[in-house]
């Protein structure tokens, strides 16, 4: 009996490996959207994660290979030598991901770099173009970014627009939903993220003190941890909670009357998207990368970063909004957030796969 010919590249499943540094819970929900497809042979790899490995594997619905942070680990190198058509990798700053992508590319795979850096237009980025062109441009073939700001940066660096995909980040809109009674939310302000200076926690705490001096009855709930945790715990009216699973954060989001993202510098914080999906009224700074996409005058307030007085005034403004304004804000927040998430992620992933297959 004659042996059956091997399937052609155009008909066999496309072989894709995804290596995600610090594999987060939301990424598992995004990758679940492409699981079980007959046209994709998928390998998932994580360097480490703040979430439980068993939880992530249950969410994503298929095995995850854990390679740690050693770029010379035997497992990482063995996986990188596996035949593949496309390698999706986190950025270019993480040694295991960089090593994996380099081996895959040397063996003929196309490489897509997942990049979340926002466009700032500062001197570092302006000078960085030459470095990028000299040392990084040939390391990958496609860029996948969260939104418009990062797309602008990649185009400036020299990535062809036709090879820049958006929608990299997004929460699950079936998990993060507004409460039945938007107007009846408790007098609660929320923040989710690291308790560090870059995230503006110090500014938020001072703004909350100023806000409480003229507006009573509000609590500030913080989810996360970091070097400024002690400062937060010593501030009256502040309740500190640990980092939590998405299900717990989704429940908390339903109780936030106002959600604040006070960052001094933030690329595309997922928590702001979670809050928008949850129908929160939003307060964010201009230096948050997804502020232009998620915050308008109908659903929130935008202020300059690093300014406690401006942030406190933003809180006062939103505290004065009527029930009708908050209901309208919930509708707008949800509408602006819905274009990002698992459905968008799946479409963009398949679009990249189609482009990789195109030469065949």
Protein backbone atom coordinates (compact mmCIF):
# COMPACT_ATOMS: atom_id res chain seq x y z
CA UNK A 1 0.00 0.00 0.00
CA UNK A 2 1.35 3.39 -0.94
CA UNK A 3 2.00 5.81 1.93
CA UNK A 4 -0.33 8.78 2.12
CA UNK A 5 1.37 12.07 1.26
CA UNK A 6 1.91 14.52 4.10
CA UNK A 7 -0.67 17.30 4.21
CA UNK A 8 0.41 20.48 2.48
CA UNK A 9 1.08 23.62 4.55
CA UNK A 10 -2.12 25.08 3.14
CA UNK A 11 -4.33 22.23 4.38
CA UNK A 12 -2.80 21.01 7.63
CA UNK A 13 -3.45 22.86 10.90
CA UNK A 14 -1.22 25.87 11.42
CA UNK A 15 1.30 25.13 14.18
CA UNK A 16 1.37 27.95 16.72
CA UNK A 17 3.33 28.31 19.94
CA UNK A 18 2.49 31.07 22.42
CA UNK A 19 5.03 31.91 25.11
CA UNK A 20 3.61 34.44 27.58
CA UNK A 21 5.80 35.96 30.28
CA UNK A 22 4.10 36.01 33.70
CA UNK A 23 1.05 34.34 32.18
CA UNK A 24 -1.91 36.23 33.73
CA UNK A 25 -5.43 34.97 34.32
CA UNK A 26 -6.97 37.23 31.68
CA UNK A 27 -4.60 35.77 29.07
CA UNK A 28 -5.91 32.29 29.80
CA UNK A 29 -9.44 33.54 29.06
CA UNK A 30 -8.26 35.12 25.83
CA UNK A 31 -6.43 32.00 24.66
CA UNK A 32 -9.43 29.84 25.55
CA UNK A 33 -11.21 31.55 22.64
CA UNK A 34 -9.02 29.67 20.14
CA UNK A 35 -8.98 26.30 21.90
CA UNK A 36 -10.32 23.17 20.25
CA UNK A 37 -9.98 24.42 16.66
CA UNK A 38 -9.21 21.84 13.98
CA UNK A 39 -7.23 24.40 11.97
CA UNK A 40 -4.82 25.36 14.78
CA UNK A 41 -2.25 23.10 16.46
CA UNK A 42 -1.62 25.14 19.63
CA UNK A 43 1.18 24.91 22.18
CA UNK A 44 0.97 27.15 25.27
CA UNK A 45 3.99 28.10 27.35
CA UNK A 46 4.27 30.23 30.48
CA UNK A 47 7.42 31.50 32.18
CA UNK A 48 5.69 32.00 35.53
CA UNK A 49 2.43 33.44 36.80
CA UNK A 50 0.92 35.22 39.80
CA UNK A 51 -2.12 32.96 39.31
CA UNK A 52 -2.32 29.29 40.25
CA UNK A 53 -1.17 27.00 37.41
CA UNK A 54 -4.07 24.59 37.95
CA UNK A 55 -6.55 27.49 37.77
CA UNK A 56 -5.01 28.75 34.53
CA UNK A 57 -5.01 25.33 32.92
CA UNK A 58 -8.65 24.81 33.88
CA UNK A 59 -9.60 28.18 32.38
CA UNK A 60 -7.68 27.78 29.14
CA UNK A 61 -8.82 24.18 28.68
CA UNK A 62 -5.54 22.62 27.58
CA UNK A 63 -2.07 21.86 28.99
CA UNK A 64 0.36 24.71 29.69
CA UNK A 65 4.11 24.11 29.69
CA UNK A 66 5.90 25.96 32.50
CA UNK A 67 9.52 26.85 31.68
CA UNK A 68 10.42 29.29 34.47
CA UNK A 69 12.68 32.28 33.83
CA UNK A 70 15.83 30.45 32.75
CA UNK A 71 16.47 31.03 29.02
CA UNK A 72 18.72 27.95 28.99
CA UNK A 73 16.21 25.54 30.47
CA UNK A 74 16.06 22.22 28.63
CA UNK A 75 12.26 22.26 28.36
CA UNK A 76 12.21 25.73 26.84
CA UNK A 77 14.83 24.83 24.25
CA UNK A 78 13.14 21.52 23.41
CA UNK A 79 9.80 23.28 22.88
CA UNK A 80 11.46 25.95 20.76
CA UNK A 81 12.90 23.27 18.47
CA UNK A 82 9.44 21.83 17.79
CA UNK A 83 8.18 22.46 14.24
CA UNK A 84 6.02 25.56 14.14
CA UNK A 85 4.69 28.09 11.64
CA UNK A 86 4.07 30.95 14.06
CA UNK A 87 5.54 31.95 17.41
CA UNK A 88 3.72 34.49 19.55
CA UNK A 89 5.97 35.93 22.23
CA UNK A 90 5.80 38.58 24.93
CA UNK A 91 7.80 41.64 23.94
CA UNK A 92 11.55 41.66 23.51
CA UNK A 93 12.72 42.35 27.08
CA UNK A 94 12.31 38.91 28.66
CA UNK A 95 15.21 36.51 28.19
CA UNK A 96 13.25 33.20 27.95
CA UNK A 97 10.80 34.68 25.43
CA UNK A 98 13.60 36.24 23.43
CA UNK A 99 15.51 32.96 23.36
CA UNK A 100 12.44 30.94 22.38
CA UNK A 101 11.55 33.32 19.54
CA UNK A 102 15.11 33.39 18.20
CA UNK A 103 15.26 29.59 17.97
CA UNK A 104 11.81 29.42 16.37
CA UNK A 105 12.72 32.06 13.79
CA UNK A 106 16.02 30.36 12.99
CA UNK A 107 14.03 27.20 12.26
CA UNK A 108 11.74 29.01 9.82
CA UNK A 109 8.79 30.16 11.95
CA UNK A 110 7.28 33.60 11.68
CA UNK A 111 7.42 35.56 14.94
CA UNK A 112 4.78 37.91 16.31
CA UNK A 113 5.82 40.10 19.23
CA UNK A 114 3.14 41.07 21.74
CA UNK A 115 4.00 44.70 22.58
CA UNK A 116 2.06 46.94 24.97
CA UNK A 117 4.33 50.02 25.17
CA UNK A 118 2.26 53.14 24.54
CA UNK A 119 3.28 56.08 22.37
CA UNK A 120 4.72 58.86 24.54
CA UNK A 121 6.68 60.79 21.96
CA UNK A 122 9.45 61.51 24.48
CA UNK A 123 13.18 61.68 23.79
CA UNK A 124 13.75 58.07 24.76
CA UNK A 125 11.29 56.82 22.17
CA UNK A 126 12.48 59.26 19.52
CA UNK A 127 16.08 58.08 19.98
CA UNK A 128 14.99 54.49 20.43
CA UNK A 129 13.95 54.18 16.79
CA UNK A 130 17.56 53.82 15.67
CA UNK A 131 18.22 51.14 18.30
CA UNK A 132 15.06 49.30 17.31
CA UNK A 133 15.96 49.33 13.63
CA UNK A 134 19.50 48.13 14.34
CA UNK A 135 18.90 45.43 16.94
CA UNK A 136 15.23 44.47 17.19
CA UNK A 137 13.46 44.94 13.87
CA UNK A 138 14.61 41.64 12.35
CA UNK A 139 13.71 39.67 15.48
CA UNK A 140 10.01 39.50 14.59
CA UNK A 141 7.66 39.73 11.62
CA UNK A 142 4.42 41.00 13.20
CA UNK A 143 3.44 43.13 16.18
CA UNK A 144 0.31 42.60 18.25
CA UNK A 145 -0.62 45.55 20.46
CA UNK A 146 -3.50 46.48 22.80
CA UNK A 147 -4.76 49.63 21.11
CA UNK A 148 -4.19 52.79 19.11
CA UNK A 149 -1.35 54.24 21.17
CA UNK A 150 0.89 51.18 20.91
CA UNK A 151 0.04 50.85 17.21
CA UNK A 152 1.29 54.41 16.68
CA UNK A 153 4.54 53.54 18.46
CA UNK A 154 5.14 50.39 16.42
CA UNK A 155 4.47 52.22 13.16
CA UNK A 156 6.92 54.94 14.19
CA UNK A 157 9.57 52.32 14.96
CA UNK A 158 9.14 50.92 11.47
CA UNK A 159 6.73 47.99 11.69
CA UNK A 160 4.54 48.00 8.54
CA UNK A 161 0.94 48.96 9.36
CA UNK A 162 -0.29 45.83 7.57
CA UNK A 163 1.63 43.74 10.11
CA UNK A 164 0.33 45.46 13.25
CA UNK A 165 -2.66 43.81 14.91
CA UNK A 166 -4.61 45.42 17.75
CA UNK A 167 -6.87 44.07 20.50
CA UNK A 168 -4.11 42.21 22.37
CA UNK A 169 -5.59 42.96 25.80
CA UNK A 170 -9.15 42.62 27.00
CA UNK A 171 -11.26 41.16 29.78
CA UNK A 172 -14.11 38.70 29.48
CA UNK A 173 -17.37 40.59 28.96
CA UNK A 174 -19.36 37.59 30.19
CA UNK A 175 -17.59 37.78 33.56
CA UNK A 176 -17.34 41.54 34.04
CA UNK A 177 -20.89 42.88 33.83
CA UNK A 178 -22.75 45.85 35.38
CA UNK A 179 -24.95 45.19 38.42
CA UNK A 180 -28.72 45.15 38.00
CA UNK A 181 -29.02 48.41 39.95
CA UNK A 182 -26.27 50.71 38.66
CA UNK A 183 -27.58 53.77 40.48
CA UNK A 184 -27.82 51.87 43.78
CA UNK A 185 -24.12 51.07 44.05
CA UNK A 186 -22.63 51.82 47.49
CA UNK A 187 -20.53 54.92 48.07
CA UNK A 188 -17.36 53.11 47.16
CA UNK A 189 -14.30 54.10 45.10
CA UNK A 190 -12.19 51.29 43.66
CA UNK A 191 -8.65 50.67 42.41
CA UNK A 192 -7.05 47.43 41.21
CA UNK A 193 -3.31 47.16 40.61
CA UNK A 194 0.14 47.38 42.13
CA UNK A 195 0.53 49.71 45.10
CA UNK A 196 3.50 51.57 43.64
CA UNK A 197 4.40 55.13 42.74
CA UNK A 198 4.12 54.58 38.97
CA UNK A 199 0.50 53.57 39.50
CA UNK A 200 -0.10 56.82 41.40
CA UNK A 201 -1.22 55.22 44.68
CA UNK A 202 0.39 58.02 46.69
CA UNK A 203 -1.51 60.58 44.63
CA UNK A 204 -4.76 58.67 45.04
CA UNK A 205 -4.41 58.46 48.82
CA UNK A 206 -3.77 62.20 49.14
CA UNK A 207 -6.63 62.96 46.75
CA UNK A 208 -8.94 60.72 48.79
CA UNK A 209 -7.99 62.60 51.99
CA UNK A 210 -8.84 65.90 50.31
CA UNK A 211 -12.04 64.48 48.86
CA UNK A 212 -13.22 63.17 52.24
CA UNK A 213 -12.68 66.57 53.85
CA UNK A 214 -15.62 67.91 51.82
CA UNK A 215 -17.58 64.79 50.79
CA UNK A 216 -18.48 62.20 53.40
CA UNK A 217 -19.63 58.60 53.35
CA UNK A 218 -17.20 57.16 50.77
CA UNK A 219 -14.78 54.24 51.18
CA UNK A 220 -11.74 53.57 49.02
CA UNK A 221 -11.19 49.88 48.24
CA UNK A 222 -7.76 48.86 46.94
CA UNK A 223 -7.01 45.45 45.43
CA UNK A 224 -3.36 44.48 45.02
CA UNK A 225 -0.07 44.90 46.83
CA UNK A 226 3.22 46.78 46.64
CA UNK A 227 5.69 49.00 48.43
CA UNK A 228 3.04 51.63 49.29
CA UNK A 229 0.69 49.14 50.95
CA UNK A 230 1.60 50.46 54.42
CA UNK A 231 0.73 54.02 53.40
CA UNK A 232 -2.64 52.78 52.15
CA UNK A 233 -3.41 50.81 55.28
CA UNK A 234 -2.75 53.86 57.49
CA UNK A 235 -5.13 56.12 55.54
CA UNK A 236 -8.59 56.50 57.12
CA UNK A 237 -11.43 55.15 55.00
CA UNK A 238 -9.17 52.88 52.94
CA UNK A 239 -9.77 49.12 52.85
CA UNK A 240 -6.96 46.98 51.43
CA UNK A 241 -7.57 43.63 49.74
CA UNK A 242 -5.00 41.19 48.27
CA UNK A 243 -4.56 40.38 44.60
CA UNK A 244 -7.56 38.23 43.68
CA UNK A 245 -8.86 35.94 40.94
CA UNK A 246 -10.88 37.54 38.12
CA UNK A 247 -14.12 36.21 39.59
CA UNK A 248 -13.50 38.07 42.85
CA UNK A 249 -12.47 41.26 41.07
CA UNK A 250 -15.59 41.08 38.90
CA UNK A 251 -17.76 40.90 42.01
CA UNK A 252 -15.91 43.86 43.54
CA UNK A 253 -16.25 45.93 40.36
CA UNK A 254 -20.03 45.70 40.64
CA UNK A 255 -19.83 47.56 43.95
CA UNK A 256 -17.63 50.46 42.77
CA UNK A 257 -19.53 53.70 42.19
CA UNK A 258 -16.29 55.26 40.87
CA UNK A 259 -13.24 53.44 39.55
CA UNK A 260 -9.91 55.32 39.57
CA UNK A 261 -6.77 54.74 37.51
CA UNK A 262 -4.38 57.44 38.81
CA UNK A 263 -1.19 56.24 37.07
CA UNK A 264 1.77 58.44 36.26
CA UNK A 265 2.69 56.06 33.41
CA UNK A 266 0.59 53.08 32.30
CA UNK A 267 0.47 51.34 28.93
CA UNK A 268 -2.98 49.69 28.76
CA UNK A 269 -4.12 48.73 32.27
CA UNK A 270 -6.57 45.86 32.10
CA UNK A 271 -8.29 46.98 35.31
CA UNK A 272 -9.64 50.08 33.58
CA UNK A 273 -11.17 47.86 30.91
CA UNK A 274 -12.65 45.56 33.57
CA UNK A 275 -14.20 48.60 35.27
CA UNK A 276 -15.63 49.86 31.97
CA UNK A 277 -17.17 46.46 31.21
CA UNK A 278 -18.65 46.55 34.72
CA UNK A 279 -20.36 49.85 33.96
CA UNK A 280 -18.31 51.91 36.42
CA UNK A 281 -18.00 55.66 36.28
CA UNK A 282 -14.32 56.23 35.44
CA UNK A 283 -11.62 58.62 36.61
CA UNK A 284 -8.25 58.28 34.87
CA UNK A 285 -5.16 60.31 34.03
CA UNK A 286 -3.93 61.38 30.62
CA UNK A 287 -0.90 59.12 31.02
CA UNK A 288 -2.97 55.94 31.00
CA UNK A 289 -2.71 54.34 27.57
CA UNK A 290 -6.34 53.25 27.21
CA UNK A 291 -7.90 56.44 28.59
CA UNK A 292 -8.68 57.78 25.07
CA UNK A 293 -10.43 54.53 24.15
CA UNK A 294 -12.45 54.04 27.34
CA UNK A 295 -13.13 57.42 28.98
CA UNK A 296 -15.29 60.25 27.60
CA UNK A 297 -17.14 63.15 29.22
CA UNK A 298 -20.25 60.92 29.29
CA UNK A 299 -18.76 58.18 31.47
CA UNK A 300 -15.96 59.82 33.42
CA UNK A 301 -13.32 62.46 33.96
CA UNK A 302 -9.73 62.68 32.74
CA UNK A 303 -7.10 64.62 34.74
CA UNK A 304 -3.37 65.21 34.56
CA UNK A 305 -1.19 62.72 36.38
CA UNK A 306 0.71 63.31 39.61
CA UNK A 307 -1.72 65.99 40.83
CA UNK A 308 -3.69 65.14 44.00
CA UNK A 309 -5.79 68.33 43.77
CA UNK A 310 -6.87 67.53 40.21
CA UNK A 311 -7.71 63.95 41.17
CA UNK A 312 -9.67 65.09 44.23
CA UNK A 313 -11.63 67.53 42.08
CA UNK A 314 -12.38 64.71 39.65
CA UNK A 315 -13.77 62.64 42.52
CA UNK A 316 -15.93 65.57 43.65
CA UNK A 317 -17.27 66.04 40.14
CA UNK A 318 -18.25 62.39 39.76
CA UNK A 319 -19.72 62.25 43.28
CA UNK A 320 -22.15 65.00 42.24
CA UNK A 321 -23.45 63.08 39.23
CA UNK A 322 -27.13 62.22 39.35
CA UNK A 323 -28.54 58.71 39.14
CA UNK A 324 -29.44 59.39 35.52
CA UNK A 325 -25.86 60.39 34.71
CA UNK A 326 -24.47 57.26 36.36
CA UNK A 327 -26.86 55.03 34.45
CA UNK A 328 -25.86 56.74 31.22
CA UNK A 329 -22.18 56.40 32.19
CA UNK A 330 -22.63 52.66 32.71
CA UNK A 331 -24.09 52.27 29.22
CA UNK A 332 -21.26 54.28 27.63
CA UNK A 333 -18.52 52.52 29.61
CA UNK A 334 -19.83 49.13 28.55
CA UNK A 335 -20.19 50.19 24.91
CA UNK A 336 -16.63 51.52 24.74
CA UNK A 337 -15.21 48.41 26.40
CA UNK A 338 -17.02 45.71 24.41
CA UNK A 339 -14.79 45.92 21.29
CA UNK A 340 -11.94 44.44 23.37
CA UNK A 341 -11.91 40.90 24.75
CA UNK A 342 -11.89 37.23 23.73
CA UNK A 343 -13.95 37.66 20.54
CA UNK A 344 -11.70 40.46 19.27
CA UNK A 345 -8.62 38.48 20.33
CA UNK A 346 -9.73 35.42 18.38
CA UNK A 347 -10.39 37.47 15.24
CA UNK A 348 -7.00 39.16 15.37
CA UNK A 349 -5.24 35.86 16.07
CA UNK A 350 -6.85 34.21 13.07
CA UNK A 351 -6.03 37.23 10.93
CA UNK A 352 -2.34 36.86 11.82
CA UNK A 353 -2.51 33.14 11.08
CA UNK A 354 -4.05 33.91 7.70
CA UNK A 355 -1.24 36.31 6.87
CA UNK A 356 1.36 33.71 7.89
CA UNK A 357 -0.29 31.16 5.59
CA UNK A 358 -0.63 33.61 2.70
CA UNK A 359 2.77 32.89 1.05
CA UNK A 360 1.74 29.24 0.68
